Amino acid sequence: MGLDNKPLDIKKTYLVTGAAGFIGYFLSKKLLEEGCRVIGIDNINDYYDVDLKYTRLQYLDPFEKFTFIKGDISDKETVTKIFNEYKPNIVVNLAAQAGVRYSIENPDVYIQSNIVGFYNILEGCRNNPVDHLVYASSSSVYGANKKVPFSETDFVDNPVSLYASTKKSNELMGYTYSHLYKIPATGLRFFTVYGPMGRPDMAYFGFTQKYFEGKPIKIFNNGDFENDLYRDFTYIDDIVEGIIRLLNKPSVEENGVPHRIFNIGNNNPEKLMVFIETLEKCLSKTLGKEVAFEKIFEPIKPGDVPATYASTELLEKAVGFKPTTTIDCGIQQFVDWYCEYYQINR
C-alpha cells in the first residue's frame, strides 16, 4: 500500500527496468501483489550468477499482469518499442551496472548501461509523457564526504569511482530532462541494500559462500578496527516500501523543476566488523553450531569510501516512512534463505 494506506493505482502500467535484479524483482513482486500491471525488462547479463536472476523471474511468472522482455536499455530501438507499445504511466529505472570495484576493471559497461541506457529511458519518457519517473542513484555519490549523516543537500561533485560518477550523471540528466520537458522525476540514493535473493557480488553474500567453501574471507579495512569502515545497511523490504510510497507521489515543481532526490538508508550505520560478527551469529543460529570466519585483512580498495550514513528526514517528511529493519533481523532472513536455496544441510 502507498502513503496513508492509499492503494496503488492498478489502472496504471508500471515499467520496471532491471526486473530480474535484486531490487527490481522485489519491487515488481510487490506491485503485482497489489494488482498492478508490470512490464519488466532485463538483459540478464552475467555480472553475477544468471541462475539467480532466472529464479527471480520464475517467481514473477505466475502473475497474469506481468510481461517480461529480455532486452538491454542501452539499445534505443528496444526502449522506444517498449514505450510505444505499452505506454507506461510510471517508470522505475533500476537497470544499471552495479559495483564500485568492478567499475575499475570494466568501465565500458558502466557507460553503456548507466549513461546511454538512462538517456534512452529519459528519451522514452520525453516522447511518451509519463506520470512519474523514479530512478536509482546511489549513496556512492557522496564520495569521501566526512560530514555525517549524508544529506541530500550535501556537495556531491567529487565522486571517487566511475560507478559513482555515472550515478551523479544520472541525477544531472534527470534534472535536465525535468527542467526541459516537465517530466516528474525522483532519484533515489540507495544505501547498501541487502537481504534474501540478494546480489552475490555483495560482501555479506560472498562471505557466506566462502564459509561453505571452507575458504577465508578478505576484509578490506586495513585490519584497523578503531577506524573501521561504516555502512548504512538497508534491508530490501525497507527499500521497496520507500519506493512504493513514492510512486504515486510525483515530484512537485521546485523552482519550476519537478525533480527531487531522496536518500533511502537505515539511518543507523554499523561497523563492517560488527556486520560480519552478526553474520557469524546468524549462521550459528541457523546451522546449530558455532560459526567463525577465517579472516584475511587487506588494504581498503580504490573507490571504497570510509563511511555511508543516510539522513532520512526528507523521505520521512515526504511519505511518512523511515527504514527500521535491524541487521540482526535482516541478516537472519538472508541466512535462512541462503541455506534453503543452496540446500545446505543444517
Protein backbone atom coordinates (compact mmCIF):
# COMPACT_ATOMS: atom_id res chain seq x y z
CA MET A 1 0.00 0.00 0.00
CA GLY A 2 1.11 3.55 -0.61
CA LEU A 3 1.12 6.58 1.69
CA ASP A 4 -1.71 6.71 4.24
CA ASN A 5 -2.70 3.17 3.16
CA LYS A 6 -3.78 4.51 -0.21
CA PRO A 7 -3.74 1.63 -2.71
CA LEU A 8 -1.54 1.89 -5.76
CA ASP A 9 -3.42 2.81 -8.92
CA ILE A 10 -3.88 -0.57 -10.60
CA LYS A 11 -5.17 1.10 -13.76
CA LYS A 12 -1.68 2.38 -14.45
CA THR A 13 1.07 0.47 -16.23
CA TYR A 14 4.41 0.27 -14.40
CA LEU A 15 7.64 -0.22 -16.36
CA VAL A 16 10.41 -1.67 -14.17
CA THR A 17 13.86 -1.89 -15.73
CA GLY A 18 16.26 -4.39 -14.18
CA ALA A 19 13.26 -6.54 -13.23
CA ALA A 20 15.38 -9.67 -12.78
CA GLY A 21 17.72 -7.79 -10.45
CA PHE A 22 17.60 -7.74 -6.67
CA ILE A 23 15.58 -4.56 -6.07
CA GLY A 24 13.75 -4.84 -9.40
CA TYR A 25 12.44 -8.30 -8.55
CA PHE A 26 11.13 -7.38 -5.10
CA LEU A 27 9.55 -4.16 -6.37
CA SER A 28 7.88 -5.97 -9.29
CA LYS A 29 6.58 -8.66 -6.92
CA LYS A 30 5.09 -6.06 -4.59
CA LEU A 31 3.42 -4.18 -7.45
CA LEU A 32 1.98 -7.40 -8.87
CA GLU A 33 0.69 -8.48 -5.46
CA GLU A 34 -1.17 -5.16 -5.29
CA GLY A 35 -2.80 -5.94 -8.66
CA CYS A 36 -0.74 -3.61 -10.85
CA ARG A 37 0.29 -4.26 -14.44
CA VAL A 38 4.08 -4.55 -14.66
CA ILE A 39 6.27 -4.55 -17.75
CA GLY A 40 9.73 -5.80 -16.81
CA ILE A 41 12.89 -5.55 -18.87
CA ASP A 42 16.31 -7.03 -18.09
CA ASN A 43 19.28 -8.07 -20.22
CA ILE A 44 20.18 -10.93 -17.81
CA ASN A 45 23.89 -10.12 -18.03
CA ASP A 46 26.42 -12.44 -16.42
CA TYR A 47 27.91 -9.95 -13.95
CA TYR A 48 26.74 -12.47 -11.37
CA ASP A 49 25.03 -15.90 -11.42
CA VAL A 50 22.26 -15.75 -14.03
CA ASP A 51 20.53 -18.73 -12.40
CA LEU A 52 19.56 -16.46 -9.51
CA LYS A 53 18.11 -13.94 -11.96
CA TYR A 54 16.07 -16.64 -13.70
CA THR A 55 14.86 -17.90 -10.32
CA ARG A 56 13.55 -14.44 -9.52
CA LEU A 57 11.76 -14.31 -12.87
CA GLN A 58 10.22 -17.73 -12.23
CA TYR A 59 8.64 -16.33 -9.07
CA LEU A 60 7.12 -13.49 -11.11
CA ASP A 61 5.94 -15.66 -13.98
CA PRO A 62 2.64 -16.83 -12.37
CA PHE A 63 1.32 -13.25 -12.19
CA GLU A 64 -1.02 -12.66 -15.15
CA LYS A 65 -0.27 -8.95 -15.21
CA PHE A 66 3.48 -9.44 -15.60
CA THR A 67 5.11 -9.11 -19.00
CA PHE A 68 8.83 -9.75 -19.29
CA ILE A 69 11.06 -8.54 -22.11
CA LYS A 70 14.64 -9.72 -22.37
CA GLY A 71 16.43 -6.67 -23.67
CA ASP A 72 19.02 -4.01 -22.94
CA ILE A 73 18.08 -0.42 -22.13
CA SER A 74 21.26 0.72 -23.87
CA ASP A 75 19.60 -0.35 -27.13
CA LYS A 76 17.49 2.67 -28.05
CA GLU A 77 15.32 0.77 -30.52
CA THR A 78 14.28 -1.71 -27.82
CA VAL A 79 13.41 1.05 -25.35
CA THR A 80 11.49 3.06 -27.97
CA LYS A 81 9.46 -0.01 -28.94
CA ILE A 82 8.53 -0.72 -25.30
CA PHE A 83 7.34 2.85 -24.69
CA ASN A 84 5.38 2.90 -27.94
CA GLU A 85 3.75 -0.47 -27.36
CA TYR A 86 2.99 -0.43 -23.63
CA LYS A 87 2.64 3.32 -22.91
CA PRO A 88 3.83 3.06 -19.28
CA ASN A 89 2.39 5.59 -16.84
CA ILE A 90 5.10 5.13 -14.21
CA VAL A 91 8.69 4.16 -14.95
CA VAL A 92 11.14 2.82 -12.36
CA ASN A 93 14.66 2.64 -13.76
CA LEU A 94 16.65 0.14 -11.70
CA ALA A 95 18.67 -1.34 -14.58
CA ALA A 96 22.31 -0.45 -14.10
CA GLN A 97 25.74 -1.97 -13.96
CA ALA A 98 26.34 -2.13 -10.24
CA GLY A 99 29.51 -2.43 -8.18
CA VAL A 100 32.16 0.12 -7.25
CA ARG A 101 35.20 -2.14 -7.67
CA TYR A 102 34.07 -3.68 -10.98
CA SER A 103 33.85 -0.19 -12.50
CA ILE A 104 37.64 -0.03 -12.28
CA GLU A 105 38.00 -3.34 -14.14
CA ASN A 106 35.35 -2.88 -16.81
CA PRO A 107 34.43 0.80 -17.29
CA ASP A 108 32.82 0.37 -20.73
CA VAL A 109 29.76 -1.46 -19.44
CA TYR A 110 29.06 1.32 -16.91
CA ILE A 111 28.93 3.96 -19.62
CA GLN A 112 26.68 1.82 -21.81
CA SER A 113 24.20 0.77 -19.14
CA ASN A 114 24.24 3.64 -16.67
CA ILE A 115 24.69 6.60 -19.05
CA VAL A 116 23.44 5.53 -22.50
CA GLY A 117 20.75 3.31 -21.01
CA PHE A 118 19.40 6.02 -18.74
CA TYR A 119 19.45 8.53 -21.61
CA ASN A 120 17.26 6.14 -23.62
CA ILE A 121 14.81 5.88 -20.71
CA LEU A 122 14.68 9.69 -20.44
CA GLU A 123 14.01 9.94 -24.19
CA GLY A 124 11.23 7.39 -23.82
CA CYS A 125 9.66 9.49 -21.06
CA ARG A 126 10.01 12.63 -23.18
CA ASN A 127 8.37 11.16 -26.26
CA ASN A 128 5.71 9.26 -24.32
CA PRO A 129 4.88 11.50 -21.34
CA VAL A 130 4.72 9.65 -18.03
CA ASP A 131 3.15 10.47 -14.67
CA HIS A 132 6.37 9.77 -12.79
CA LEU A 133 9.92 8.58 -13.44
CA VAL A 134 11.70 7.07 -10.44
CA TYR A 135 15.33 6.13 -10.92
CA ALA A 136 18.12 4.54 -8.90
CA SER A 137 21.01 6.66 -7.75
CA SER A 138 23.43 5.57 -5.02
CA SER A 139 24.99 6.56 -1.71
CA SER A 140 28.31 6.36 -3.58
CA VAL A 141 27.69 9.87 -4.98
CA TYR A 142 28.67 11.24 -1.55
CA GLY A 143 32.25 10.09 -2.18
CA ALA A 144 34.54 10.53 0.80
CA ASN A 145 32.17 13.02 2.43
CA LYS A 146 33.16 13.43 6.08
CA LYS A 147 30.01 15.24 7.24
CA VAL A 148 27.54 12.71 8.61
CA PRO A 149 24.79 11.83 8.26
CA PHE A 150 24.78 12.42 4.50
CA SER A 151 22.08 14.87 3.48
CA GLU A 152 20.55 15.34 0.04
CA THR A 153 21.75 18.97 0.07
CA ASP A 154 25.41 17.98 0.56
CA PHE A 155 28.04 18.79 -2.06
CA VAL A 156 28.48 15.67 -4.24
CA ASP A 157 30.77 16.78 -7.05
CA ASN A 158 33.80 14.67 -6.06
CA PRO A 159 32.91 11.02 -6.79
CA VAL A 160 35.72 8.54 -6.11
CA SER A 161 34.67 5.77 -8.53
CA LEU A 162 33.37 5.63 -12.09
CA TYR A 163 30.23 3.94 -10.77
CA ALA A 164 29.57 6.94 -8.53
CA SER A 165 30.25 9.28 -11.46
CA THR A 166 27.61 7.54 -13.56
CA LYS A 167 25.06 7.83 -10.75
CA LYS A 168 25.80 11.52 -10.25
CA SER A 169 25.44 11.91 -14.03
CA ASN A 170 22.02 10.25 -13.81
CA GLU A 171 20.90 12.85 -11.29
CA LEU A 172 22.10 15.67 -13.54
CA MET A 173 20.45 14.15 -16.60
CA GLY A 174 17.22 13.56 -14.69
CA TYR A 175 17.17 17.17 -13.53
CA THR A 176 17.81 18.47 -17.04
CA TYR A 177 15.00 16.44 -18.60
CA SER A 178 12.65 17.51 -15.80
CA HIS A 179 13.62 21.12 -16.46
CA LEU A 180 13.26 20.95 -20.24
CA TYR A 181 10.25 18.65 -20.59
CA LYS A 182 8.50 18.87 -17.19
CA ILE A 183 8.95 15.14 -16.51
CA PRO A 184 8.13 14.50 -12.83
CA ALA A 185 11.25 12.62 -11.68
CA THR A 186 12.59 11.26 -8.40
CA GLY A 187 16.14 9.98 -7.86
CA LEU A 188 16.77 7.56 -5.00
CA ARG A 189 20.15 7.24 -3.32
CA PHE A 190 20.20 3.66 -2.04
CA PHE A 191 22.44 2.75 0.90
CA THR A 192 23.96 -0.78 0.85
CA VAL A 193 20.87 -2.87 0.13
CA TYR A 194 20.89 -6.46 1.43
CA GLY A 195 18.57 -9.39 2.05
CA PRO A 196 17.33 -12.74 0.69
CA MET A 197 17.89 -13.32 -3.04
CA GLY A 198 20.44 -10.51 -2.96
CA ARG A 199 23.44 -9.89 -5.19
CA PRO A 200 26.25 -12.45 -4.90
CA ASP A 201 28.83 -9.70 -5.51
CA MET A 202 27.92 -8.07 -2.21
CA ALA A 203 30.23 -8.76 0.75
CA TYR A 204 27.71 -10.48 3.05
CA PHE A 205 26.73 -12.90 0.25
CA GLY A 206 30.34 -13.58 -0.73
CA PHE A 207 31.40 -14.13 2.89
CA THR A 208 28.66 -16.72 3.31
CA GLN A 209 29.71 -18.52 0.13
CA LYS A 210 33.35 -18.55 1.25
CA TYR A 211 32.40 -20.08 4.60
CA PHE A 212 30.63 -23.02 2.99
CA GLU A 213 33.52 -23.45 0.55
CA GLY A 214 35.92 -23.63 3.51
CA LYS A 215 37.82 -20.56 2.32
CA PRO A 216 38.94 -17.44 4.23
CA ILE A 217 37.18 -14.12 3.69
CA LYS A 218 39.06 -10.98 2.68
CA ILE A 219 38.18 -7.84 4.62
CA PHE A 220 39.31 -4.60 3.03
CA ASN A 221 39.65 -2.36 6.09
CA ASN A 222 43.40 -2.50 6.77
CA GLY A 223 42.60 -4.54 9.88
CA ASP A 224 42.02 -1.21 11.62
CA PHE A 225 39.14 -1.92 13.99
CA GLU A 226 39.29 1.54 15.61
CA ASN A 227 38.79 3.28 12.28
CA ASP A 228 36.71 0.56 10.63
CA LEU A 229 34.53 1.14 7.58
CA TYR A 230 30.94 2.09 8.40
CA ARG A 231 27.99 1.17 6.21
CA ASP A 232 24.32 2.08 6.40
CA PHE A 233 22.94 -1.40 5.65
CA THR A 234 19.35 -1.19 4.38
CA TYR A 235 17.06 -4.22 4.23
CA ILE A 236 15.33 -4.91 0.92
CA ASP A 237 11.78 -4.68 2.34
CA ASP A 238 12.50 -1.16 3.60
CA ILE A 239 13.83 -0.14 0.18
CA VAL A 240 10.71 -1.46 -1.57
CA GLU A 241 8.38 0.20 0.94
CA GLY A 242 10.09 3.54 0.36
CA ILE A 243 9.80 3.22 -3.42
CA ILE A 244 6.15 2.14 -3.29
CA ARG A 245 5.20 5.11 -1.15
CA LEU A 246 6.88 7.49 -3.59
CA LEU A 247 5.49 6.04 -6.84
CA ASN A 248 2.09 7.73 -6.71
CA LYS A 249 3.52 10.90 -5.24
CA PRO A 250 5.15 12.59 -8.25
CA SER A 251 7.62 15.37 -7.70
CA VAL A 252 6.09 18.81 -7.42
CA GLU A 253 7.87 21.68 -9.06
CA GLU A 254 10.62 23.31 -7.07
CA ASN A 255 11.94 26.44 -8.73
CA GLY A 256 9.96 25.38 -11.78
CA VAL A 257 11.54 21.90 -12.00
CA PRO A 258 9.59 18.75 -10.93
CA HIS A 259 12.68 16.85 -9.81
CA ARG A 260 13.85 15.72 -6.37
CA ILE A 261 16.38 13.42 -4.69
CA PHE A 262 15.86 11.19 -1.64
CA ASN A 263 18.15 9.05 0.48
CA ILE A 264 16.81 5.61 1.33
CA GLY A 265 19.02 4.24 4.07
CA ASN A 266 18.76 2.78 7.53
CA ASN A 267 19.99 5.96 9.28
CA ASN A 268 21.97 3.67 11.58
CA PRO A 269 25.44 2.82 10.23
CA GLU A 270 27.28 -0.22 11.52
CA LYS A 271 30.99 -1.03 11.62
CA LEU A 272 31.93 -3.58 8.99
CA MET A 273 33.28 -5.90 11.70
CA VAL A 274 30.01 -5.71 13.65
CA PHE A 275 28.15 -6.66 10.48
CA ILE A 276 30.48 -9.65 9.99
CA GLU A 277 30.02 -10.72 13.63
CA THR A 278 26.25 -10.53 13.12
CA LEU A 279 26.55 -12.73 10.03
CA GLU A 280 28.56 -15.28 12.07
CA LYS A 281 25.93 -15.19 14.83
CA CYS A 282 23.03 -15.70 12.40
CA LEU A 283 24.82 -18.56 10.63
CA SER A 284 25.48 -20.16 14.03
CA LYS A 285 21.79 -19.95 14.88
CA THR A 286 20.65 -21.42 11.56
CA LEU A 287 23.24 -24.21 11.48
CA GLY A 288 23.05 -25.05 15.18
CA LYS A 289 26.81 -24.77 15.66
CA GLU A 290 29.33 -22.04 16.29
CA VAL A 291 30.47 -20.31 13.09
CA ALA A 292 33.61 -18.18 12.82
CA PHE A 293 35.08 -16.95 9.55
CA GLU A 294 38.76 -17.29 8.80
CA LYS A 295 39.69 -13.66 8.13
CA ILE A 296 42.37 -12.05 5.99
CA PHE A 297 42.72 -8.28 6.37
CA GLU A 298 43.78 -6.23 3.37
CA PRO A 299 44.09 -2.53 2.44
CA ILE A 300 40.98 -0.57 1.52
CA LYS A 301 40.23 -0.91 -2.19
CA PRO A 302 40.39 2.10 -4.55
CA GLY A 303 36.94 3.64 -4.87
CA ASP A 304 35.72 2.40 -1.47
CA VAL A 305 34.53 5.13 0.87
CA PRO A 306 35.16 5.11 4.65
CA ALA A 307 31.52 5.54 5.65
CA THR A 308 27.96 5.73 4.37
CA TYR A 309 25.33 7.20 6.65
CA ALA A 310 21.93 8.39 5.41
CA SER A 311 19.87 11.25 6.71
CA THR A 312 16.28 10.12 6.04
CA GLU A 313 14.46 13.26 7.17
CA LEU A 314 13.36 14.26 3.66
CA LEU A 315 11.89 10.83 2.92
CA GLU A 316 10.12 10.73 6.26
CA LYS A 317 8.66 14.18 5.69
CA ALA A 318 7.50 13.31 2.16
CA VAL A 319 5.93 9.89 2.71
CA GLY A 320 5.91 9.25 6.46
CA PHE A 321 8.37 6.35 6.28
CA LYS A 322 11.76 5.56 7.74
CA PRO A 323 13.55 2.19 7.36
CA THR A 324 13.53 0.25 10.62
CA THR A 325 14.79 -3.32 9.99
CA THR A 326 17.78 -4.15 12.21
CA ILE A 327 20.78 -6.01 10.79
CA ASP A 328 20.13 -8.87 13.25
CA CYS A 329 16.69 -9.41 11.75
CA GLY A 330 17.69 -8.75 8.13
CA ILE A 331 20.81 -10.92 8.13
CA GLN A 332 18.90 -13.79 9.75
CA GLN A 333 16.37 -13.62 6.93
CA PHE A 334 19.20 -13.76 4.39
CA VAL A 335 21.00 -16.67 6.07
CA ASP A 336 17.80 -18.73 6.34
CA TRP A 337 17.07 -18.11 2.65
CA TYR A 338 20.65 -18.91 1.61
CA CYS A 339 20.69 -22.27 3.37
CA GLU A 340 17.33 -23.23 1.89
CA TYR A 341 18.12 -22.01 -1.65
CA TYR A 342 21.50 -23.72 -1.81
CA GLN A 343 20.20 -26.78 0.08
CA ILE A 344 22.70 -26.56 2.91
CA ASN A 345 22.36 -29.47 5.34
CA ARG A 346 21.83 -27.92 8.74
